[in-house]
PDB file of N, CA and C in Angstrom:
ATOM      1  N   MET A   1       0.844  -1.186   0.000  1.00  0.00           N
ATOM      2  CA  MET A   1       0.000   0.000   0.000  1.00  0.00           C
ATOM      3  C   MET A   1       0.882   1.239   0.000  1.00  0.00           C
ATOM      4  N   THR A   2       0.580   2.204  -0.817  1.00  0.00           N
ATOM      5  CA  THR A   2       1.373   3.421  -0.881  1.00  0.00           C
ATOM      6  C   THR A   2       0.607   4.569  -0.260  1.00  0.00           C
ATOM      7  N   ASP A   3       1.330   5.526   0.209  1.00  0.00           N
ATOM      8  CA  ASP A   3       0.762   6.707   0.837  1.00  0.00           C
ATOM      9  C   ASP A   3       0.693   7.805  -0.206  1.00  0.00           C
ATOM     10  N   ALA A   4      -0.484   8.395  -0.382  1.00  0.00           N
ATOM     11  CA  ALA A   4      -0.677   9.421  -1.405  1.00  0.00           C
ATOM     12  C   ALA A   4       0.188  10.652  -1.163  1.00  0.00           C
ATOM     13  N   SER A   5       0.675  10.837   0.080  1.00  0.00           N
ATOM     14  CA  SER A   5       1.485  12.014   0.381  1.00  0.00           C
ATOM     15  C   SER A   5       2.953  11.819   0.032  1.00  0.00           C
ATOM     16  N   THR A   6       3.327  10.614  -0.365  1.00  0.00           N
ATOM     17  CA  THR A   6       4.713  10.364  -0.730  1.00  0.00           C
ATOM     18  C   THR A   6       4.844  10.293  -2.238  1.00  0.00           C
ATOM     19  N   GLY A   7       6.006  10.702  -2.719  1.00  0.00           N
ATOM     20  CA  GLY A   7       6.250  10.688  -4.150  1.00  0.00           C
ATOM     21  C   GLY A   7       6.784   9.352  -4.621  1.00  0.00           C
ATOM     22  N   PRO A   8       6.938   9.202  -5.924  1.00  0.00           N
ATOM     23  CA  PRO A   8       7.375   7.921  -6.485  1.00  0.00           C
ATOM     24  C   PRO A   8       8.784   7.497  -6.067  1.00  0.00           C
ATOM     25  N   ILE A   9       9.691   8.434  -5.877  1.00  0.00           N
ATOM     26  CA  ILE A   9      11.047   8.066  -5.460  1.00  0.00           C
ATOM     27  C   ILE A   9      11.021   7.570  -4.022  1.00  0.00           C
ATOM     28  N   GLU A  10      10.324   8.280  -3.160  1.00  0.00           N
ATOM     29  CA  GLU A  10      10.208   7.858  -1.760  1.00  0.00           C
ATOM     30  C   GLU A  10       9.547   6.485  -1.670  1.00  0.00           C
ATOM     31  N   GLN A  11       8.528   6.248  -2.468  1.00  0.00           N
ATOM     32  CA  GLN A  11       7.863   4.946  -2.483  1.00  0.00           C
ATOM     33  C   GLN A  11       8.811   3.857  -2.981  1.00  0.00           C
ATOM     34  N   ALA A  12       9.623   4.173  -3.987  1.00  0.00           N
ATOM     35  CA  ALA A  12      10.582   3.199  -4.521  1.00  0.00           C
ATOM     36  C   ALA A  12      11.653   2.874  -3.486  1.00  0.00           C
ATOM     37  N   ILE A  13      12.131   3.883  -2.761  1.00  0.00           N
ATOM     38  CA  ILE A  13      13.119   3.653  -1.703  1.00  0.00           C
ATOM     39  C   ILE A  13      12.536   2.687  -0.671  1.00  0.00           C
ATOM     40  N   THR A  14      11.316   2.964  -0.220  1.00  0.00           N
ATOM     41  CA  THR A  14      10.661   2.114   0.769  1.00  0.00           C
ATOM     42  C   THR A  14      10.520   0.683   0.255  1.00  0.00           C
ATOM     43  N   ALA A  15      10.054   0.530  -0.964  1.00  0.00           N
ATOM     44  CA  ALA A  15       9.836  -0.804  -1.534  1.00  0.00           C
ATOM     45  C   ALA A  15      11.142  -1.570  -1.680  1.00  0.00           C
ATOM     46  N   ARG A  16      12.175  -0.924  -2.186  1.00  0.00           N
ATOM     47  CA  ARG A  16      13.446  -1.616  -2.410  1.00  0.00           C
ATOM     48  C   ARG A  16      14.126  -2.014  -1.115  1.00  0.00           C
ATOM     49  N   LEU A  17      14.108  -1.110  -0.120  1.00  0.00           N
ATOM     50  CA  LEU A  17      14.727  -1.452   1.162  1.00  0.00           C
ATOM     51  C   LEU A  17      13.944  -2.547   1.875  1.00  0.00           C
ATOM     52  N   THR A  18      12.638  -2.510   1.754  1.00  0.00           N
ATOM     53  CA  THR A  18      11.803  -3.542   2.361  1.00  0.00           C
ATOM     54  C   THR A  18      12.092  -4.899   1.730  1.00  0.00           C
ATOM     55  N   GLN A  19      12.165  -4.928   0.418  1.00  0.00           N
ATOM     56  CA  GLN A  19      12.410  -6.187  -0.282  1.00  0.00           C
ATOM     57  C   GLN A  19      13.807  -6.732   0.005  1.00  0.00           C
ATOM     58  N   ALA A  20      14.806  -5.882  -0.031  1.00  0.00           N
ATOM     59  CA  ALA A  20      16.195  -6.340   0.096  1.00  0.00           C
ATOM     60  C   ALA A  20      16.608  -6.643   1.528  1.00  0.00           C
ATOM     61  N   LEU A  21      16.071  -5.901   2.496  1.00  0.00           N
ATOM     62  CA  LEU A  21      16.597  -5.984   3.860  1.00  0.00           C
ATOM     63  C   LEU A  21      15.598  -6.467   4.911  1.00  0.00           C
ATOM     64  N   ALA A  22      14.342  -6.655   4.527  1.00  0.00           N
ATOM     65  CA  ALA A  22      13.307  -7.082   5.483  1.00  0.00           C
ATOM     66  C   ALA A  22      13.452  -6.346   6.817  1.00  0.00           C
ATOM     67  N   PRO A  23      13.386  -5.023   6.790  1.00  0.00           N
ATOM     68  CA  PRO A  23      13.660  -4.260   8.019  1.00  0.00           C
ATOM     69  C   PRO A  23      12.602  -4.464   9.097  1.00  0.00           C
ATOM     70  N   THR A  24      13.069  -4.421  10.344  1.00  0.00           N
ATOM     71  CA  THR A  24      12.160  -4.428  11.480  1.00  0.00           C
ATOM     72  C   THR A  24      11.728  -3.000  11.804  1.00  0.00           C
ATOM     73  N   ARG A  25      12.457  -2.049  11.272  1.00  0.00           N
ATOM     74  CA  ARG A  25      12.110  -0.629  11.396  1.00  0.00           C
ATOM     75  C   ARG A  25      12.627   0.065  10.155  1.00  0.00           C
ATOM     76  N   LEU A  26      11.791   0.912   9.563  1.00  0.00           N
ATOM     77  CA  LEU A  26      12.201   1.672   8.382  1.00  0.00           C
ATOM     78  C   LEU A  26      11.512   3.018   8.385  1.00  0.00           C
ATOM     79  N   ALA A  27      12.299   4.057   8.300  1.00  0.00           N
ATOM     80  CA  ALA A  27      11.775   5.410   8.145  1.00  0.00           C
ATOM     81  C   ALA A  27      12.483   6.033   6.945  1.00  0.00           C
ATOM     82  N   VAL A  28      11.698   6.554   6.024  1.00  0.00           N
ATOM     83  CA  VAL A  28      12.235   7.264   4.860  1.00  0.00           C
ATOM     84  C   VAL A  28      11.740   8.696   4.970  1.00  0.00           C
ATOM     85  N   ILE A  29      12.668   9.623   5.116  1.00  0.00           N
ATOM     86  CA  ILE A  29      12.331  11.031   5.323  1.00  0.00           C
ATOM     87  C   ILE A  29      12.816  11.839   4.134  1.00  0.00           C
ATOM     88  N   ASN A  30      11.890  12.517   3.489  1.00  0.00           N
ATOM     89  CA  ASN A  30      12.229  13.372   2.357  1.00  0.00           C
ATOM     90  C   ASN A  30      12.669  14.731   2.898  1.00  0.00           C
ATOM     91  N   GLU A  31      13.943  15.054   2.725  1.00  0.00           N
ATOM     92  CA  GLU A  31      14.499  16.329   3.202  1.00  0.00           C
ATOM     93  C   GLU A  31      14.745  17.305   2.058  1.00  0.00           C
ATOM     94  N   SER A  32      14.175  17.040   0.899  1.00  0.00           N
ATOM     95  CA  SER A  32      14.447  17.839  -0.295  1.00  0.00           C
ATOM     96  C   SER A  32      14.094  19.312  -0.116  1.00  0.00           C
ATOM     97  N   ALA A  33      13.017  19.597   0.591  1.00  0.00           N
ATOM     98  CA  ALA A  33      12.604  20.994   0.770  1.00  0.00           C
ATOM     99  C   ALA A  33      13.677  21.813   1.479  1.00  0.00           C
ATOM    100  N   GLN A  34      14.475  21.162   2.323  1.00  0.00           N
ATOM    101  CA  GLN A  34      15.542  21.857   3.045  1.00  0.00           C
ATOM    102  C   GLN A  34      16.705  22.224   2.127  1.00  0.00           C
ATOM    103  N   HIS A  35      16.721  21.652   0.930  1.00  0.00           N
ATOM    104  CA  HIS A  35      17.839  21.860   0.003  1.00  0.00           C
ATOM    105  C   HIS A  35      17.409  22.566  -1.275  1.00  0.00           C
ATOM    106  N   ARG A  36      16.221  23.125  -1.278  1.00  0.00           N
ATOM    107  CA  ARG A  36      15.710  23.828  -2.451  1.00  0.00           C
ATOM    108  C   ARG A  36      16.683  24.926  -2.875  1.00  0.00           C
ATOM    109  N   GLY A  37      17.051  24.904  -4.133  1.00  0.00           N
ATOM    110  CA  GLY A  37      17.960  25.914  -4.667  1.00  0.00           C
ATOM    111  C   GLY A  37      19.435  25.565  -4.517  1.00  0.00           C
ATOM    112  N   HIS A  38      19.749  24.509  -3.788  1.00  0.00           N
ATOM    113  CA  HIS A  38      21.136  24.078  -3.608  1.00  0.00           C
ATOM    114  C   HIS A  38      21.546  23.128  -4.718  1.00  0.00           C
ATOM    115  N   ALA A  39      22.813  22.828  -4.786  1.00  0.00           N
ATOM    116  CA  ALA A  39      23.322  21.866  -5.759  1.00  0.00           C
ATOM    117  C   ALA A  39      22.593  20.542  -5.583  1.00  0.00           C
ATOM    118  N   GLY A  40      22.227  19.931  -6.683  1.00  0.00           N
ATOM    119  CA  GLY A  40      21.548  18.646  -6.646  1.00  0.00           C
ATOM    120  C   GLY A  40      20.044  18.739  -6.569  1.00  0.00           C
ATOM    121  N   ASP A  41      19.504  19.933  -6.336  1.00  0.00           N
ATOM    122  CA  ASP A  41      18.058  20.101  -6.316  1.00  0.00           C
ATOM    123  C   ASP A  41      17.583  20.141  -7.761  1.00  0.00           C
ATOM    124  N   ASP A  42      16.901  19.076  -8.167  1.00  0.00           N
ATOM    125  CA  ASP A  42      16.453  18.996  -9.556  1.00  0.00           C
ATOM    126  C   ASP A  42      15.044  19.537  -9.756  1.00  0.00           C
ATOM    127  N   GLY A  43      14.458  20.093  -8.702  1.00  0.00           N
ATOM    128  CA  GLY A  43      13.122  20.658  -8.797  1.00  0.00           C
ATOM    129  C   GLY A  43      12.008  19.634  -8.625  1.00  0.00           C
ATOM    130  N   SER A  44      12.353  18.369  -8.489  1.00  0.00           N
ATOM    131  CA  SER A  44      11.339  17.317  -8.367  1.00  0.00           C
ATOM    132  C   SER A  44      10.736  17.249  -6.968  1.00  0.00           C
ATOM    133  N   GLY A  45      11.443  17.790  -5.992  1.00  0.00           N
ATOM    134  CA  GLY A  45      11.007  17.658  -4.611  1.00  0.00           C
ATOM    135  C   GLY A  45      11.373  16.306  -4.019  1.00  0.00           C
ATOM    136  N   GLU A  46      12.167  15.527  -4.764  1.00  0.00           N
ATOM    137  CA  GLU A  46      12.584  14.208  -4.305  1.00  0.00           C
ATOM    138  C   GLU A  46      14.038  13.940  -4.684  1.00  0.00           C
ATOM    139  N   SER A  47      14.932  14.704  -4.084  1.00  0.00           N
ATOM    140  CA  SER A  47      16.351  14.543  -4.400  1.00  0.00           C
ATOM    141  C   SER A  47      17.215  14.273  -3.173  1.00  0.00           C
ATOM    142  N   HIS A  48      16.744  14.628  -1.994  1.00  0.00           N
ATOM    143  CA  HIS A  48      17.516  14.495  -0.757  1.00  0.00           C
ATOM    144  C   HIS A  48      16.685  13.710   0.271  1.00  0.00           C
ATOM    145  N   PHE A  49      17.260  12.619   0.771  1.00  0.00           N
ATOM    146  CA  PHE A  49      16.536  11.764   1.704  1.00  0.00           C
ATOM    147  C   PHE A  49      17.410  11.368   2.886  1.00  0.00           C
ATOM    148  N   ARG A  50      16.724  10.976   3.957  1.00  0.00           N
ATOM    149  CA  ARG A  50      17.351  10.381   5.137  1.00  0.00           C
ATOM    150  C   ARG A  50      16.585   9.089   5.408  1.00  0.00           C
ATOM    151  N   VAL A  51      17.322   8.009   5.676  1.00  0.00           N
ATOM    152  CA  VAL A  51      16.670   6.752   6.017  1.00  0.00           C
ATOM    153  C   VAL A  51      17.212   6.240   7.348  1.00  0.00           C
ATOM    154  N   VAL A  52      16.331   5.613   8.092  1.00  0.00           N
ATOM    155  CA  VAL A  52      16.695   4.885   9.303  1.00  0.00           C
ATOM    156  C   VAL A  52      16.230   3.460   9.050  1.00  0.00           C
ATOM    157  N   VAL A  53      17.188   2.532   9.041  1.00  0.00           N
ATOM    158  CA  VAL A  53      16.880   1.144   8.730  1.00  0.00           C
ATOM    159  C   VAL A  53      17.423   0.246   9.832  1.00  0.00           C
ATOM    160  N   GLU A  54      16.546  -0.561  10.406  1.00  0.00           N
ATOM    161  CA  GLU A  54      16.963  -1.589  11.338  1.00  0.00           C
ATOM    162  C   GLU A  54      16.666  -2.932  10.684  1.00  0.00           C
ATOM    163  N   SER A  55      17.706  -3.755  10.565  1.00  0.00           N
ATOM    164  CA  SER A  55      17.541  -5.036   9.881  1.00  0.00           C
ATOM    165  C   SER A  55      18.503  -6.072  10.457  1.00  0.00           C
ATOM    166  N   ALA A  56      18.034  -7.298  10.550  1.00  0.00           N
ATOM    167  CA  ALA A  56      18.902  -8.393  10.983  1.00  0.00           C
ATOM    168  C   ALA A  56      20.034  -8.613   9.986  1.00  0.00           C
ATOM    169  N   ALA A  57      19.844  -8.179   8.749  1.00  0.00           N
ATOM    170  CA  ALA A  57      20.895  -8.317   7.731  1.00  0.00           C
ATOM    171  C   ALA A  57      22.153  -7.542   8.105  1.00  0.00           C
ATOM    172  N   PHE A  58      22.036  -6.573   8.994  1.00  0.00           N
ATOM    173  CA  PHE A  58      23.176  -5.750   9.391  1.00  0.00           C
ATOM    174  C   PHE A  58      23.978  -6.346  10.549  1.00  0.00           C
ATOM    175  N   ALA A  59      23.475  -7.387  11.182  1.00  0.00           N
ATOM    176  CA  ALA A  59      24.140  -7.964  12.354  1.00  0.00           C
ATOM    177  C   ALA A  59      25.571  -8.370  12.018  1.00  0.00           C
ATOM    178  N   GLY A  60      26.503  -7.896  12.829  1.00  0.00           N
ATOM    179  CA  GLY A  60      27.910  -8.250  12.663  1.00  0.00           C
ATOM    180  C   GLY A  60      28.648  -7.486  11.575  1.00  0.00           C
ATOM    181  N   LEU A  61      27.969  -6.596  10.877  1.00  0.00           N
ATOM    182  CA  LEU A  61      28.606  -5.832   9.799  1.00  0.00           C
ATOM    183  C   LEU A  61      29.075  -4.466  10.286  1.00  0.00           C
ATOM    184  N   SER A  62      30.116  -3.960   9.653  1.00  0.00           N
ATOM    185  CA  SER A  62      30.596  -2.608   9.945  1.00  0.00           C
ATOM    186  C   SER A  62      29.610  -1.585   9.392  1.00  0.00           C
ATOM    187  N   ARG A  63      29.754  -0.353   9.831  1.00  0.00           N
ATOM    188  CA  ARG A  63      28.913   0.738   9.331  1.00  0.00           C
ATOM    189  C   ARG A  63      29.012   0.840   7.813  1.00  0.00           C
ATOM    190  N   VAL A  64      30.223   0.745   7.286  1.00  0.00           N
ATOM    191  CA  VAL A  64      30.432   0.863   5.841  1.00  0.00           C
ATOM    192  C   VAL A  64      29.770  -0.297   5.097  1.00  0.00           C
ATOM    193  N   ALA A  65      29.889  -1.508   5.611  1.00  0.00           N
ATOM    194  CA  ALA A  65      29.257  -2.669   4.971  1.00  0.00           C
ATOM    195  C   ALA A  65      27.738  -2.524   4.980  1.00  0.00           C
ATOM    196  N   ARG A  66      27.192  -1.997   6.063  1.00  0.00           N
ATOM    197  CA  ARG A  66      25.747  -1.770   6.147  1.00  0.00           C
ATOM    198  C   ARG A  66      25.314  -0.740   5.096  1.00  0.00           C
ATOM    199  N   GLN A  67      26.076   0.327   4.969  1.00  0.00           N
ATOM    200  CA  GLN A  67      25.742   1.360   3.987  1.00  0.00           C
ATOM    201  C   GLN A  67      25.836   0.825   2.565  1.00  0.00           C
ATOM    202  N   ARG A  68      26.790  -0.061   2.329  1.00  0.00           N
ATOM    203  CA  ARG A  68      26.901  -0.680   0.998  1.00  0.00           C
ATOM    204  C   ARG A  68      25.659  -1.493   0.672  1.00  0.00           C
ATOM    205  N   LEU A  69      25.129  -2.211   1.654  1.00  0.00           N
ATOM    206  CA  LEU A  69      23.902  -2.978   1.428  1.00  0.00           C
ATOM    207  C   LEU A  69      22.731  -2.064   1.054  1.00  0.00           C
ATOM    208  N   VAL A  70      22.627  -0.938   1.732  1.00  0.00           N
ATOM    209  CA  VAL A  70      21.571   0.025   1.409  1.00  0.00           C
ATOM    210  C   VAL A  70      21.770   0.553  -0.011  1.00  0.00           C
ATOM    211  N   ASN A  71      22.996   0.950  -0.332  1.00  0.00           N
ATOM    212  CA  ASN A  71      23.275   1.469  -1.674  1.00  0.00           C
ATOM    213  C   ASN A  71      22.986   0.428  -2.750  1.00  0.00           C
ATOM    214  N   GLN A  72      23.345  -0.826  -2.500  1.00  0.00           N
ATOM    215  CA  GLN A  72      23.060  -1.902  -3.462  1.00  0.00           C
ATOM    216  C   GLN A  72      21.559  -2.075  -3.642  1.00  0.00           C
ATOM    217  N   ALA A  73      20.810  -2.028  -2.560  1.00  0.00           N
ATOM    218  CA  ALA A  73      19.359  -2.193  -2.638  1.00  0.00           C
ATOM    219  C   ALA A  73      18.723  -1.077  -3.470  1.00  0.00           C
ATOM    220  N   LEU A  74      19.266   0.119  -3.362  1.00  0.00           N
ATOM    221  CA  LEU A  74      18.691   1.256  -4.086  1.00  0.00           C
ATOM    222  C   LEU A  74      19.173   1.327  -5.532  1.00  0.00           C
ATOM    223  N   GLY A  75      20.307   0.714  -5.820  1.00  0.00           N
ATOM    224  CA  GLY A  75      20.799   0.578  -7.192  1.00  0.00           C
ATOM    225  C   GLY A  75      20.735   1.846  -8.025  1.00  0.00           C
ATOM    226  N   ASP A  76      20.005   1.787  -9.125  1.00  0.00           N
ATOM    227  CA  ASP A  76      19.952   2.888 -10.083  1.00  0.00           C
ATOM    228  C   ASP A  76      19.324   4.153  -9.512  1.00  0.00           C
ATOM    229  N   LEU A  77      18.555   4.053  -8.440  1.00  0.00           N
ATOM    230  CA  LEU A  77      18.004   5.263  -7.819  1.00  0.00           C
ATOM    231  C   LEU A  77      19.127   6.165  -7.327  1.00  0.00           C
ATOM    232  N   MET A  78      20.192   5.550  -6.816  1.00  0.00           N
ATOM    233  CA  MET A  78      21.327   6.327  -6.321  1.00  0.00           C
ATOM    234  C   MET A  78      22.012   7.073  -7.471  1.00  0.00           C
ATOM    235  N   ARG A  79      22.059   6.460  -8.608  1.00  0.00           N
ATOM    236  CA  ARG A  79      22.717   7.070  -9.759  1.00  0.00           C
ATOM    237  C   ARG A  79      21.822   8.095 -10.457  1.00  0.00           C
ATOM    238  N   ASP A  80      20.542   7.775 -10.597  1.00  0.00           N
ATOM    239  CA  ASP A  80      19.662   8.550 -11.459  1.00  0.00           C
ATOM    240  C   ASP A  80      18.724   9.520 -10.754  1.00  0.00           C
ATOM    241  N   SER A  81      18.357   9.257  -9.499  1.00  0.00           N
ATOM    242  CA  SER A  81      17.283  10.037  -8.885  1.00  0.00           C
ATOM    243  C   SER A  81      17.620  10.677  -7.552  1.00  0.00           C
ATOM    244  N   ILE A  82      18.486  10.057  -6.780  1.00  0.00           N
ATOM    245  CA  ILE A  82      18.790  10.547  -5.433  1.00  0.00           C
ATOM    246  C   ILE A  82      20.110  11.300  -5.473  1.00  0.00           C
ATOM    247  N   HIS A  83      20.076  12.566  -5.093  1.00  0.00           N
ATOM    248  CA  HIS A  83      21.305  13.354  -5.051  1.00  0.00           C
ATOM    249  C   HIS A  83      22.055  13.121  -3.736  1.00  0.00           C
ATOM    250  N   ALA A  84      21.304  13.038  -2.629  1.00  0.00           N
ATOM    251  CA  ALA A  84      21.934  12.878  -1.314  1.00  0.00           C
ATOM    252  C   ALA A  84      21.103  11.930  -0.473  1.00  0.00           C
ATOM    253  N   LEU A  85      21.794  11.035   0.233  1.00  0.00           N
ATOM    254  CA  LEU A  85      21.124  10.084   1.110  1.00  0.00           C
ATOM    255  C   LEU A  85      21.920   9.968   2.404  1.00  0.00           C
ATOM    256  N   ALA A  86      21.301  10.404   3.493  1.00  0.00           N
ATOM    257  CA  ALA A  86      21.880  10.206   4.820  1.00  0.00           C
ATOM    258  C   ALA A  86      21.240   8.948   5.378  1.00  0.00           C
ATOM    259  N   MET A  87      22.021   8.139   6.069  1.00  0.00           N
ATOM    260  CA  MET A  87      21.435   6.906   6.582  1.00  0.00           C
ATOM    261  C   MET A  87      21.942   6.546   7.963  1.00  0.00           C
ATOM    262  N   LYS A  88      21.037   5.968   8.728  1.00  0.00           N
ATOM    263  CA  LYS A  88      21.372   5.365  10.015  1.00  0.00           C
ATOM    264  C   LYS A  88      20.977   3.905   9.870  1.00  0.00           C
ATOM    265  N   THR A  89      21.948   3.026  10.059  1.00  0.00           N
ATOM    266  CA  THR A  89      21.714   1.598   9.888  1.00  0.00           C
ATOM    267  C   THR A  89      21.952   0.884  11.214  1.00  0.00           C
ATOM    268  N   LEU A  90      20.968   0.107  11.632  1.00  0.00           N
ATOM    269  CA  LEU A  90      21.029  -0.563  12.924  1.00  0.00           C
ATOM    270  C   LEU A  90      20.668  -2.039  12.760  1.00  0.00           C
ATOM    271  N   ALA A  91      21.292  -2.878  13.557  1.00  0.00           N
ATOM    272  CA  ALA A  91      20.858  -4.258  13.704  1.00  0.00           C
ATOM    273  C   ALA A  91      19.956  -4.313  14.926  1.00  0.00           C
ATOM    274  N   PRO A  92      19.009  -5.250  14.967  1.00  0.00           N
ATOM    275  CA  PRO A  92      18.176  -5.356  16.166  1.00  0.00           C
ATOM    276  C   PRO A  92      19.058  -5.481  17.416  1.00  0.00           C
ATOM    277  N   GLY A  93      18.725  -4.705  18.420  1.00  0.00           N
ATOM    278  CA  GLY A  93      19.496  -4.732  19.651  1.00  0.00           C
ATOM    279  C   GLY A  93      20.589  -3.687  19.720  1.00  0.00           C
ATOM    280  N   ASP A  94      20.939  -3.076  18.585  1.00  0.00           N
ATOM    281  CA  ASP A  94      21.917  -1.977  18.618  1.00  0.00           C
ATOM    282  C   ASP A  94      21.356  -0.811  19.407  1.00  0.00           C
ATOM    283  N   ALA A  95      22.202  -0.168  20.178  1.00  0.00           N
ATOM    284  CA  ALA A  95      21.785   1.033  20.883  1.00  0.00           C
ATOM    285  C   ALA A  95      21.641   2.167  19.875  1.00  0.00           C
ATOM    286  N   PRO A  96      20.514   2.882  19.904  1.00  0.00           N
ATOM    287  CA  PRO A  96      20.370   4.019  18.976  1.00  0.00           C
ATOM    288  C   PRO A  96      21.418   5.075  19.261  1.00  0.00           C
ATOM    289  N   ALA A  97      21.990   5.586  18.195  1.00  0.00           N
ATOM    290  CA  ALA A  97      23.040   6.608  18.354  1.00  0.00           C
ATOM    291  C   ALA A  97      22.444   7.982  18.409  1.00  0.00           C
TER     292      ALA A  97
END
């Protein structure tokens, strides 16, 4: 089910991360409005995002390895649609930073 208030890129991010990582917690935050007029703002309103992902797939992995998994899951979105992506990646039981 998609939320009418979210755009197609945000929906694609949610779907891809859900499929690839089976997260126990997922938040996708569109921060594009905060970057309006800055480099990378393509006018779509969907260029800058922040994600918080908690997944068992991250257990035992370094921060960099976790971020690579997120980037792999997003694939062509990272190249073609997303200018900036901030991420917090957690395994179940990790203390929130």
